[in-house]
Structures are given as C-alpha cells and as structure tokens.
Amino acid sequence: MSNNPITRDLFSEPEFPNEVMDELDHPIKMDSKKESPLKLNRKFTKQNINPLEVIEYERRTSRIEETSRKIVFEMKNVEVPKTWSQLA
C-alpha cells in the first residue's frame, strides 16, 4: 500500500513511527508543584466571581417567520442576556 496520503486506504489503521508510539505509552509526568511556564493575565473577569452570575438575563421568545407570517422556527422562554438585541 502506498504511503501517499491521497492514495492510501482511508479505512486502514494509521502507521505511526516508533518514537511517537513510545511517547504515547509513556507520557511525560509533570511535577504539579512546578510553576507553569505559560503566563495568562486576567482581562475581562474577576477572581472568585462567576462571570455568568454578573449578567442579567430575561426570558424571550425567538421566532422566525416567512413574509407570509408562517412560522418557520419558534422557541419560547429562551433565557438570554438582557442586553442582547432582538437580532442577536
């Protein structure tokens, strides 16, 4: 069978190099006490405050009608942020 990705059988098992299989069998263990090298600064939220609890919600009906007023889609009592427009 060809190794060309275009002509290879799509239903056959993929063949991975031995190095990849070894890494999958023995993953690197991270020391949980070490500080992560990735640093993220908080921008839009505050610590210990659930951002979803800060938003005011209200219940609305979402409806899509044809020009003939025939209802194509309707969902009643949808809870959405109060600040959303009718088109959101």
Protein backbone atom coordinates (compact mmCIF):
# COMPACT_ATOMS: atom_id res chain seq x y z
CA MET A 1 0.00 0.00 0.00
CA SER A 2 1.26 3.49 -0.81
CA ASN A 3 2.23 5.97 1.91
CA ASN A 4 0.94 8.79 -0.21
CA PRO A 5 -1.94 10.34 1.84
CA ILE A 6 -4.00 10.80 -1.31
CA THR A 7 -3.86 7.19 -2.48
CA ARG A 8 -3.67 5.49 0.95
CA ASP A 9 -6.70 3.48 2.02
CA LEU A 10 -8.74 5.79 4.28
CA PHE A 11 -10.07 2.91 6.39
CA SER A 12 -6.76 1.33 7.30
CA GLU A 13 -5.02 1.88 10.63
CA PRO A 14 -2.60 4.83 10.57
CA GLU A 15 1.05 3.91 10.90
CA PHE A 16 2.98 5.95 13.46
CA PRO A 17 6.76 5.97 13.93
CA ASN A 18 8.04 4.01 16.95
CA GLU A 19 9.11 7.24 18.70
CA VAL A 20 5.53 8.51 18.67
CA MET A 21 4.17 5.22 19.98
CA ASP A 22 6.75 5.22 22.80
CA GLU A 23 5.66 8.71 23.86
CA LEU A 24 2.03 7.63 23.86
CA ASP A 25 2.83 4.61 26.01
CA HIS A 26 4.98 6.62 28.48
CA PRO A 27 3.74 10.19 28.75
CA ILE A 28 5.89 12.83 30.39
CA LYS A 29 4.92 13.33 34.03
CA MET A 30 4.61 16.92 35.14
CA ASP A 31 5.55 17.97 38.64
CA SER A 32 2.41 19.67 39.93
CA LYS A 33 4.45 21.83 42.32
CA LYS A 34 6.37 23.46 39.49
CA GLU A 35 5.12 26.77 38.20
CA SER A 36 3.69 26.65 34.70
CA PRO A 37 5.81 28.32 32.01
CA LEU A 38 2.61 29.68 30.45
CA LYS A 39 1.51 33.00 31.96
CA LEU A 40 -2.00 34.34 31.43
CA ASN A 41 -3.16 37.70 32.71
CA ARG A 42 -6.82 38.11 33.65
CA LYS A 43 -8.51 40.74 31.44
CA PHE A 44 -12.31 40.52 31.46
CA THR A 45 -13.16 38.65 34.67
CA LYS A 46 -12.51 38.98 38.37
CA GLN A 47 -11.08 36.26 40.54
CA ASN A 48 -13.64 34.23 42.56
CA ILE A 49 -16.58 35.76 40.66
CA ASN A 50 -18.52 33.63 38.19
CA PRO A 51 -18.85 35.82 35.07
CA LEU A 52 -22.22 34.27 34.21
CA GLU A 53 -23.69 35.47 37.51
CA VAL A 54 -22.83 39.09 36.74
CA ILE A 55 -25.01 39.17 33.61
CA GLU A 56 -28.73 39.98 33.87
CA TYR A 57 -30.94 37.55 31.96
CA GLU A 58 -34.53 37.65 30.76
CA ARG A 59 -36.88 35.20 29.04
CA ARG A 60 -37.87 35.87 25.45
CA THR A 61 -39.48 34.10 22.52
CA SER A 62 -37.33 33.52 19.47
CA ARG A 63 -39.35 33.31 16.26
CA ILE A 64 -38.52 33.28 12.56
CA GLU A 65 -41.40 33.96 10.19
CA GLU A 66 -41.74 33.96 6.43
CA THR A 67 -43.08 37.07 4.72
CA SER A 68 -46.49 35.36 4.70
CA ARG A 69 -46.28 35.31 8.55
CA LYS A 70 -45.94 31.50 8.54
CA ILE A 71 -43.73 30.47 11.49
CA VAL A 72 -40.61 28.63 10.33
CA PHE A 73 -38.95 28.39 13.76
CA GLU A 74 -40.07 29.20 17.28
CA MET A 75 -38.52 28.72 20.71
CA LYS A 76 -40.39 30.04 23.73
CA ASN A 77 -38.94 31.15 27.07
CA VAL A 78 -35.34 31.32 25.91
CA GLU A 79 -33.15 32.80 28.63
CA VAL A 80 -30.82 35.39 27.05
CA PRO A 81 -28.70 38.28 28.34
CA LYS A 82 -30.89 41.35 28.82
CA THR A 83 -28.53 43.50 26.75
CA TRP A 84 -28.92 41.36 23.60
CA SER A 85 -30.82 42.88 20.72
CA GLN A 86 -33.76 41.12 19.08
CA LEU A 87 -31.44 40.08 16.24
CA ALA A 88 -28.73 38.59 18.46
